[in-house]
Amino acid sequence: MKVALEMADLARSLDEVPVGAVLVFEDRILAKGHNRTRIDIDPTAHAEIVALRQAAQVIGNYRLTGTVLYSTVEPCAMCAGALVWARVAKLVYGARDEKAGAVDSRFGICRHAELNHRLEVVGGVLQEDCASLMRNFFISRRRKEG
């Protein structure tokens, strides 16, 4: 999670929403990502998606069976769905997203009984560090706009 926090801080330094993600297989980092929606002019360039795309290229397969994704923030519906389709084994996230979180806060996508794959989910890892990075980013953005 500390590496994911570093990626989130990199996103913040680029004026992106500070979310970072790291995909691990057997204790080895396969891929790292941070939000790039503004940089790439791409609404799908969330940290989790960036990491999944990189990892798929590294291993040469879109199925990422046996991997663990660490994300600083609870994934949205798009990212949670991508984790299911990629067959990620486990999700570890930091801060909940009460507005758009699709894992625990809103929809329960990663453990939904109707889907053909379910993930183990662990939330709240380094929660305060992850939440404060987001909180401070949006406070700073509001000051710039105000």
N, C-alpha and C. Protein backbone atom coordinates (compact mmCIF):
# COMPACT_ATOMS: atom_id res chain seq x y z
N MET A 1 0.83 -1.20 0.00
CA MET A 1 0.00 0.00 0.00
C MET A 1 0.87 1.25 0.00
N LYS A 2 2.04 1.17 0.59
CA LYS A 2 2.91 2.35 0.60
C LYS A 2 3.33 2.75 -0.81
N VAL A 3 3.56 1.76 -1.67
CA VAL A 3 3.89 2.07 -3.07
C VAL A 3 2.68 2.70 -3.76
N ALA A 4 1.50 2.20 -3.47
CA ALA A 4 0.28 2.80 -4.04
C ALA A 4 0.13 4.25 -3.57
N LEU A 5 0.46 4.52 -2.32
CA LEU A 5 0.42 5.90 -1.82
C LEU A 5 1.43 6.78 -2.55
N GLU A 6 2.59 6.24 -2.86
CA GLU A 6 3.58 6.99 -3.65
C GLU A 6 3.02 7.33 -5.02
N MET A 7 2.32 6.38 -5.63
CA MET A 7 1.71 6.62 -6.94
C MET A 7 0.60 7.67 -6.83
N ALA A 8 -0.17 7.63 -5.74
CA ALA A 8 -1.22 8.62 -5.53
C ALA A 8 -0.61 10.01 -5.37
N ASP A 9 0.50 10.09 -4.66
CA ASP A 9 1.17 11.37 -4.48
C ASP A 9 1.71 11.89 -5.81
N LEU A 10 2.18 10.99 -6.66
CA LEU A 10 2.62 11.39 -8.00
C LEU A 10 1.44 11.96 -8.79
N ALA A 11 0.29 11.30 -8.71
CA ALA A 11 -0.90 11.83 -9.38
C ALA A 11 -1.22 13.22 -8.87
N ARG A 12 -1.17 13.42 -7.55
CA ARG A 12 -1.45 14.73 -6.96
C ARG A 12 -0.50 15.78 -7.52
N SER A 13 0.78 15.43 -7.65
CA SER A 13 1.77 16.39 -8.15
C SER A 13 1.52 16.78 -9.60
N LEU A 14 0.77 15.94 -10.32
CA LEU A 14 0.41 16.21 -11.72
C LEU A 14 -0.98 16.81 -11.84
N ASP A 15 -1.56 17.21 -10.69
CA ASP A 15 -2.90 17.79 -10.60
C ASP A 15 -3.99 16.81 -11.02
N GLU A 16 -3.71 15.52 -10.83
CA GLU A 16 -4.72 14.48 -11.02
C GLU A 16 -5.29 14.13 -9.65
N VAL A 17 -6.49 13.59 -9.61
CA VAL A 17 -7.06 13.12 -8.34
C VAL A 17 -6.10 12.06 -7.80
N PRO A 18 -5.67 12.20 -6.55
CA PRO A 18 -4.59 11.36 -6.03
C PRO A 18 -5.01 9.94 -5.64
N VAL A 19 -5.10 9.10 -6.66
CA VAL A 19 -5.36 7.69 -6.45
C VAL A 19 -4.20 6.92 -7.07
N GLY A 20 -3.70 5.94 -6.32
CA GLY A 20 -2.63 5.09 -6.82
C GLY A 20 -3.01 3.64 -6.69
N ALA A 21 -2.44 2.81 -7.56
CA ALA A 21 -2.73 1.38 -7.53
C ALA A 21 -1.46 0.60 -7.88
N VAL A 22 -1.35 -0.57 -7.28
CA VAL A 22 -0.21 -1.46 -7.53
C VAL A 22 -0.77 -2.88 -7.66
N LEU A 23 -0.35 -3.59 -8.70
CA LEU A 23 -0.77 -4.97 -8.89
C LEU A 23 0.41 -5.88 -8.60
N VAL A 24 0.18 -6.86 -7.73
CA VAL A 24 1.24 -7.74 -7.24
C VAL A 24 0.90 -9.19 -7.56
N PHE A 25 1.92 -9.95 -7.93
CA PHE A 25 1.78 -11.40 -8.10
C PHE A 25 2.94 -12.07 -7.37
N GLU A 26 2.60 -12.93 -6.43
CA GLU A 26 3.59 -13.65 -5.64
C GLU A 26 4.66 -12.71 -5.08
N ASP A 27 4.20 -11.66 -4.41
CA ASP A 27 5.06 -10.68 -3.74
C ASP A 27 5.96 -9.89 -4.69
N ARG A 28 5.64 -9.88 -5.99
CA ARG A 28 6.41 -9.12 -6.97
C ARG A 28 5.48 -8.11 -7.64
N ILE A 29 5.90 -6.86 -7.69
CA ILE A 29 5.10 -5.83 -8.34
C ILE A 29 5.13 -6.05 -9.85
N LEU A 30 3.94 -6.26 -10.42
CA LEU A 30 3.80 -6.39 -11.87
C LEU A 30 3.59 -5.04 -12.53
N ALA A 31 2.84 -4.17 -11.86
CA ALA A 31 2.48 -2.89 -12.48
C ALA A 31 2.08 -1.89 -11.42
N LYS A 32 2.29 -0.62 -11.76
CA LYS A 32 1.89 0.49 -10.90
C LYS A 32 1.12 1.48 -11.76
N GLY A 33 0.14 2.12 -11.14
CA GLY A 33 -0.62 3.12 -11.88
C GLY A 33 -1.08 4.24 -10.98
N HIS A 34 -1.36 5.36 -11.59
CA HIS A 34 -1.98 6.49 -10.89
C HIS A 34 -3.00 7.10 -11.82
N ASN A 35 -3.92 7.86 -11.28
CA ASN A 35 -4.93 8.49 -12.12
C ASN A 35 -4.25 9.33 -13.19
N ARG A 36 -4.75 9.19 -14.43
CA ARG A 36 -4.20 9.90 -15.58
C ARG A 36 -5.31 10.46 -16.48
N THR A 37 -6.49 10.67 -15.93
CA THR A 37 -7.62 11.08 -16.77
C THR A 37 -7.39 12.41 -17.46
N ARG A 38 -6.79 13.36 -16.76
CA ARG A 38 -6.52 14.68 -17.36
C ARG A 38 -5.34 14.62 -18.33
N ILE A 39 -4.28 13.96 -17.90
CA ILE A 39 -3.07 13.87 -18.72
C ILE A 39 -3.37 13.17 -20.04
N ASP A 40 -4.08 12.05 -19.97
CA ASP A 40 -4.37 11.25 -21.16
C ASP A 40 -5.64 11.67 -21.88
N ILE A 41 -6.38 12.60 -21.28
CA ILE A 41 -7.70 13.00 -21.81
C ILE A 41 -8.52 11.72 -22.05
N ASP A 42 -8.64 10.93 -20.96
CA ASP A 42 -9.26 9.62 -21.05
C ASP A 42 -10.04 9.34 -19.76
N PRO A 43 -11.36 9.29 -19.84
CA PRO A 43 -12.15 9.06 -18.63
C PRO A 43 -11.94 7.68 -18.02
N THR A 44 -11.34 6.75 -18.75
CA THR A 44 -11.09 5.41 -18.21
C THR A 44 -9.71 5.26 -17.59
N ALA A 45 -8.90 6.29 -17.59
CA ALA A 45 -7.51 6.20 -17.11
C ALA A 45 -7.41 6.35 -15.59
N HIS A 46 -8.20 5.56 -14.89
CA HIS A 46 -8.12 5.51 -13.43
C HIS A 46 -6.90 4.67 -13.05
N ALA A 47 -6.39 4.88 -11.86
CA ALA A 47 -5.18 4.20 -11.40
C ALA A 47 -5.28 2.69 -11.55
N GLU A 48 -6.42 2.12 -11.17
CA GLU A 48 -6.59 0.68 -11.22
C GLU A 48 -6.55 0.16 -12.66
N ILE A 49 -7.21 0.87 -13.56
CA ILE A 49 -7.24 0.48 -14.97
C ILE A 49 -5.83 0.57 -15.56
N VAL A 50 -5.11 1.64 -15.24
CA VAL A 50 -3.74 1.81 -15.73
C VAL A 50 -2.89 0.63 -15.28
N ALA A 51 -3.00 0.25 -14.01
CA ALA A 51 -2.21 -0.88 -13.49
C ALA A 51 -2.63 -2.20 -14.15
N LEU A 52 -3.92 -2.42 -14.33
CA LEU A 52 -4.38 -3.65 -14.98
C LEU A 52 -3.87 -3.74 -16.41
N ARG A 53 -3.92 -2.64 -17.15
CA ARG A 53 -3.44 -2.64 -18.54
C ARG A 53 -1.95 -2.96 -18.60
N GLN A 54 -1.17 -2.32 -17.73
CA GLN A 54 0.28 -2.58 -17.71
C GLN A 54 0.56 -4.04 -17.38
N ALA A 55 -0.10 -4.57 -16.36
CA ALA A 55 0.15 -5.95 -15.94
C ALA A 55 -0.22 -6.94 -17.04
N ALA A 56 -1.32 -6.70 -17.72
CA ALA A 56 -1.72 -7.59 -18.81
C ALA A 56 -0.65 -7.63 -19.90
N GLN A 57 -0.06 -6.48 -20.19
CA GLN A 57 1.02 -6.42 -21.17
C GLN A 57 2.26 -7.16 -20.68
N VAL A 58 2.57 -7.00 -19.39
CA VAL A 58 3.75 -7.65 -18.82
C VAL A 58 3.64 -9.18 -18.90
N ILE A 59 2.48 -9.72 -18.54
CA ILE A 59 2.35 -11.18 -18.53
C ILE A 59 1.81 -11.74 -19.84
N GLY A 60 1.32 -10.87 -20.73
CA GLY A 60 0.80 -11.32 -22.01
C GLY A 60 -0.54 -12.02 -21.93
N ASN A 61 -1.35 -11.59 -20.94
CA ASN A 61 -2.67 -12.20 -20.77
C ASN A 61 -3.58 -11.19 -20.07
N TYR A 62 -4.82 -11.09 -20.53
CA TYR A 62 -5.76 -10.17 -19.88
C TYR A 62 -6.30 -10.74 -18.57
N ARG A 63 -6.14 -12.03 -18.37
CA ARG A 63 -6.56 -12.64 -17.11
C ARG A 63 -5.39 -12.57 -16.14
N LEU A 64 -5.64 -11.94 -15.02
CA LEU A 64 -4.59 -11.69 -14.03
C LEU A 64 -4.83 -12.54 -12.78
N THR A 65 -5.08 -13.80 -13.02
CA THR A 65 -5.40 -14.77 -11.97
C THR A 65 -4.29 -14.81 -10.92
N GLY A 66 -4.70 -14.83 -9.66
CA GLY A 66 -3.74 -14.96 -8.56
C GLY A 66 -3.09 -13.66 -8.13
N THR A 67 -3.51 -12.55 -8.73
CA THR A 67 -2.90 -11.27 -8.40
C THR A 67 -3.66 -10.56 -7.28
N VAL A 68 -2.98 -9.58 -6.69
CA VAL A 68 -3.57 -8.74 -5.65
C VAL A 68 -3.42 -7.29 -6.10
N LEU A 69 -4.51 -6.55 -6.08
CA LEU A 69 -4.46 -5.13 -6.42
C LEU A 69 -4.57 -4.33 -5.14
N TYR A 70 -3.63 -3.41 -4.96
CA TYR A 70 -3.66 -2.45 -3.85
C TYR A 70 -4.07 -1.12 -4.44
N SER A 71 -5.10 -0.51 -3.89
CA SER A 71 -5.58 0.79 -4.34
C SER A 71 -5.77 1.70 -3.13
N THR A 72 -5.41 2.95 -3.28
CA THR A 72 -5.51 3.86 -2.15
C THR A 72 -6.95 4.22 -1.82
N VAL A 73 -7.84 4.06 -2.80
CA VAL A 73 -9.25 4.41 -2.61
C VAL A 73 -10.12 3.26 -3.12
N GLU A 74 -11.23 3.05 -2.47
CA GLU A 74 -12.19 2.04 -2.90
C GLU A 74 -12.54 2.26 -4.37
N PRO A 75 -12.40 1.25 -5.22
CA PRO A 75 -12.65 1.41 -6.65
C PRO A 75 -14.10 1.77 -6.99
N CYS A 76 -14.23 2.48 -8.10
CA CYS A 76 -15.54 2.84 -8.65
C CYS A 76 -16.13 1.63 -9.38
N ALA A 77 -17.31 1.79 -9.94
CA ALA A 77 -17.98 0.69 -10.64
C ALA A 77 -17.17 0.20 -11.84
N MET A 78 -16.60 1.12 -12.61
CA MET A 78 -15.81 0.72 -13.77
C MET A 78 -14.61 -0.12 -13.34
N CYS A 79 -13.88 0.36 -12.34
CA CYS A 79 -12.67 -0.33 -11.90
C CYS A 79 -12.99 -1.64 -11.20
N ALA A 80 -14.04 -1.65 -10.39
CA ALA A 80 -14.44 -2.89 -9.72
C ALA A 80 -14.84 -3.94 -10.75
N GLY A 81 -15.57 -3.53 -11.77
CA GLY A 81 -15.93 -4.46 -12.84
C GLY A 81 -14.71 -4.98 -13.58
N ALA A 82 -13.75 -4.13 -13.82
CA ALA A 82 -12.52 -4.55 -14.50
C ALA A 82 -11.75 -5.57 -13.65
N LEU A 83 -11.75 -5.38 -12.34
CA LEU A 83 -11.09 -6.35 -11.45
C LEU A 83 -11.74 -7.72 -11.55
N VAL A 84 -13.06 -7.73 -11.63
CA VAL A 84 -13.79 -8.99 -11.78
C VAL A 84 -13.43 -9.64 -13.11
N TRP A 85 -13.50 -8.87 -14.21
CA TRP A 85 -13.24 -9.44 -15.54
C TRP A 85 -11.79 -9.88 -15.70
N ALA A 86 -10.87 -9.24 -15.00
CA ALA A 86 -9.46 -9.62 -15.07
C ALA A 86 -9.15 -10.82 -14.17
N ARG A 87 -10.11 -11.22 -13.36
CA ARG A 87 -9.95 -12.35 -12.44
C ARG A 87 -8.90 -12.10 -11.36
N VAL A 88 -8.79 -10.85 -10.93
CA VAL A 88 -7.89 -10.53 -9.82
C VAL A 88 -8.38 -11.29 -8.59
N ALA A 89 -7.46 -11.84 -7.82
CA ALA A 89 -7.85 -12.68 -6.68
C ALA A 89 -8.25 -11.87 -5.46
N LYS A 90 -7.57 -10.75 -5.25
CA LYS A 90 -7.78 -10.01 -4.00
C LYS A 90 -7.61 -8.51 -4.25
N LEU A 91 -8.45 -7.74 -3.60
CA LEU A 91 -8.36 -6.29 -3.61
C LEU A 91 -8.07 -5.82 -2.19
N VAL A 92 -7.07 -4.97 -2.06
CA VAL A 92 -6.77 -4.33 -0.79
C VAL A 92 -6.86 -2.83 -1.05
N TYR A 93 -7.73 -2.13 -0.33
CA TYR A 93 -7.85 -0.69 -0.55
C TYR A 93 -7.75 0.06 0.77
N GLY A 94 -7.45 1.36 0.63
CA GLY A 94 -7.27 2.22 1.80
C GLY A 94 -8.56 2.89 2.24
N ALA A 95 -8.88 4.02 1.63
CA ALA A 95 -10.02 4.83 2.04
C ALA A 95 -11.29 4.41 1.31
N ARG A 96 -12.40 4.41 2.04
CA ARG A 96 -13.70 4.19 1.42
C ARG A 96 -14.07 5.41 0.59
N ASP A 97 -14.89 5.19 -0.42
CA ASP A 97 -15.45 6.27 -1.22
C ASP A 97 -16.96 6.18 -1.08
N GLU A 98 -17.50 6.96 -0.14
CA GLU A 98 -18.93 6.88 0.18
C GLU A 98 -19.81 7.29 -0.99
N LYS A 99 -19.31 8.13 -1.89
CA LYS A 99 -20.13 8.59 -3.02
C LYS A 99 -20.11 7.63 -4.20
N ALA A 100 -18.93 7.12 -4.54
CA ALA A 100 -18.81 6.34 -5.77
C ALA A 100 -18.16 4.97 -5.59
N GLY A 101 -17.82 4.60 -4.38
CA GLY A 101 -17.18 3.30 -4.14
C GLY A 101 -18.12 2.16 -4.48
N ALA A 102 -17.67 1.26 -5.32
CA ALA A 102 -18.54 0.19 -5.81
C ALA A 102 -18.19 -1.18 -5.23
N VAL A 103 -17.35 -1.19 -4.20
CA VAL A 103 -16.94 -2.46 -3.60
C VAL A 103 -17.68 -2.69 -2.28
N ASP A 104 -17.65 -1.71 -1.40
CA ASP A 104 -18.33 -1.81 -0.12
C ASP A 104 -19.37 -0.71 0.08
N SER A 105 -19.06 0.50 -0.36
CA SER A 105 -19.93 1.64 -0.06
C SER A 105 -21.25 1.65 -0.82
N ARG A 106 -21.24 1.28 -2.09
CA ARG A 106 -22.44 1.40 -2.91
C ARG A 106 -22.97 0.09 -3.49
N PHE A 107 -22.17 -0.64 -4.24
CA PHE A 107 -22.74 -1.73 -5.05
C PHE A 107 -22.27 -3.14 -4.73
N GLY A 108 -21.15 -3.33 -4.11
CA GLY A 108 -20.67 -4.68 -3.80
C GLY A 108 -20.29 -5.50 -5.02
N ILE A 109 -19.77 -4.86 -6.04
CA ILE A 109 -19.48 -5.55 -7.30
C ILE A 109 -18.47 -6.68 -7.15
N CYS A 110 -17.44 -6.48 -6.38
CA CYS A 110 -16.36 -7.47 -6.30
C CYS A 110 -16.77 -8.78 -5.62
N ARG A 111 -17.88 -8.76 -4.91
CA ARG A 111 -18.34 -9.97 -4.23
C ARG A 111 -19.76 -10.36 -4.63
N HIS A 112 -20.24 -9.80 -5.70
CA HIS A 112 -21.62 -10.02 -6.10
C HIS A 112 -21.84 -11.47 -6.54
N ALA A 113 -22.83 -12.11 -5.94
CA ALA A 113 -23.09 -13.54 -6.18
C ALA A 113 -23.49 -13.86 -7.62
N GLU A 114 -24.03 -12.91 -8.36
CA GLU A 114 -24.47 -13.15 -9.73
C GLU A 114 -23.33 -13.12 -10.74
N LEU A 115 -22.17 -12.62 -10.34
CA LEU A 115 -21.04 -12.55 -11.27
C LEU A 115 -20.26 -13.86 -11.23
N ASN A 116 -19.51 -14.13 -12.30
CA ASN A 116 -18.81 -15.40 -12.40
C ASN A 116 -17.47 -15.42 -11.67
N HIS A 117 -17.07 -14.31 -11.08
CA HIS A 117 -15.83 -14.26 -10.30
C HIS A 117 -16.03 -13.31 -9.13
N ARG A 118 -15.50 -13.68 -8.00
CA ARG A 118 -15.56 -12.84 -6.81
C ARG A 118 -14.16 -12.68 -6.24
N LEU A 119 -13.90 -11.54 -5.66
CA LEU A 119 -12.59 -11.24 -5.09
C LEU A 119 -12.66 -11.27 -3.58
N GLU A 120 -11.55 -11.60 -2.97
CA GLU A 120 -11.39 -11.36 -1.54
C GLU A 120 -11.14 -9.85 -1.43
N VAL A 121 -11.73 -9.21 -0.45
CA VAL A 121 -11.60 -7.77 -0.29
C VAL A 121 -11.17 -7.44 1.14
N VAL A 122 -10.16 -6.58 1.25
CA VAL A 122 -9.72 -6.06 2.54
C VAL A 122 -9.70 -4.54 2.40
N GLY A 123 -10.50 -3.86 3.19
CA GLY A 123 -10.54 -2.40 3.15
C GLY A 123 -9.95 -1.79 4.39
N GLY A 124 -9.63 -0.52 4.31
CA GLY A 124 -9.17 0.22 5.47
C GLY A 124 -7.68 0.14 5.75
N VAL A 125 -6.88 -0.34 4.82
CA VAL A 125 -5.44 -0.44 5.02
C VAL A 125 -4.81 0.94 4.80
N LEU A 126 -4.11 1.43 5.81
CA LEU A 126 -3.56 2.80 5.81
C LEU A 126 -4.64 3.81 5.46
N GLN A 127 -5.82 3.56 5.98
CA GLN A 127 -7.01 4.35 5.65
C GLN A 127 -6.80 5.84 5.86
N GLU A 128 -6.27 6.25 6.99
CA GLU A 128 -6.13 7.68 7.26
C GLU A 128 -5.13 8.34 6.32
N ASP A 129 -4.05 7.67 6.01
CA ASP A 129 -3.07 8.23 5.06
C ASP A 129 -3.72 8.43 3.69
N CYS A 130 -4.46 7.42 3.25
CA CYS A 130 -5.13 7.49 1.95
C CYS A 130 -6.21 8.56 1.93
N ALA A 131 -7.01 8.61 2.99
CA ALA A 131 -8.11 9.58 3.06
C ALA A 131 -7.59 11.00 3.16
N SER A 132 -6.52 11.21 3.93
CA SER A 132 -6.01 12.58 4.09
C SER A 132 -5.41 13.10 2.79
N LEU A 133 -4.81 12.23 2.00
CA LEU A 133 -4.28 12.66 0.70
C LEU A 133 -5.42 13.17 -0.19
N MET A 134 -6.53 12.44 -0.21
CA MET A 134 -7.69 12.87 -1.00
C MET A 134 -8.28 14.17 -0.44
N ARG A 135 -8.48 14.18 0.87
CA ARG A 135 -9.08 15.35 1.53
C ARG A 135 -8.27 16.61 1.25
N ASN A 136 -6.96 16.54 1.44
CA ASN A 136 -6.10 17.70 1.24
C ASN A 136 -6.06 18.14 -0.21
N PHE A 137 -6.13 17.20 -1.13
CA PHE A 137 -6.16 17.54 -2.56
C PHE A 137 -7.39 18.38 -2.88
N PHE A 138 -8.56 17.94 -2.41
CA PHE A 138 -9.79 18.66 -2.74
C PHE A 138 -9.90 19.98 -1.98
N ILE A 139 -9.35 20.06 -0.78
CA ILE A 139 -9.30 21.35 -0.07
C ILE A 139 -8.45 22.32 -0.87
N SER A 140 -7.30 21.87 -1.33
CA SER A 140 -6.40 22.72 -2.13
C SER A 140 -7.06 23.14 -3.44
N ARG A 141 -7.76 22.24 -4.08
CA ARG A 141 -8.42 22.56 -5.34
C ARG A 141 -9.52 23.62 -5.12
N ARG A 142 -10.28 23.47 -4.05
CA ARG A 142 -11.32 24.45 -3.77
C ARG A 142 -10.73 25.83 -3.49
N ARG A 143 -9.59 25.88 -2.82
CA ARG A 143 -8.92 27.17 -2.55
C ARG A 143 -8.47 27.82 -3.86
N LYS A 144 -7.95 27.02 -4.79
CA LYS A 144 -7.51 27.56 -6.09
C LYS A 144 -8.68 28.12 -6.88
N GLU A 145 -9.83 27.42 -6.80
CA GLU A 145 -11.00 27.84 -7.56
C GLU A 145 -11.71 29.03 -6.91
N GLY A 146 -11.55 29.17 -5.59
CA GLY A 146 -12.27 30.19 -4.84
C GLY A 146 -11.62 31.48 -4.89
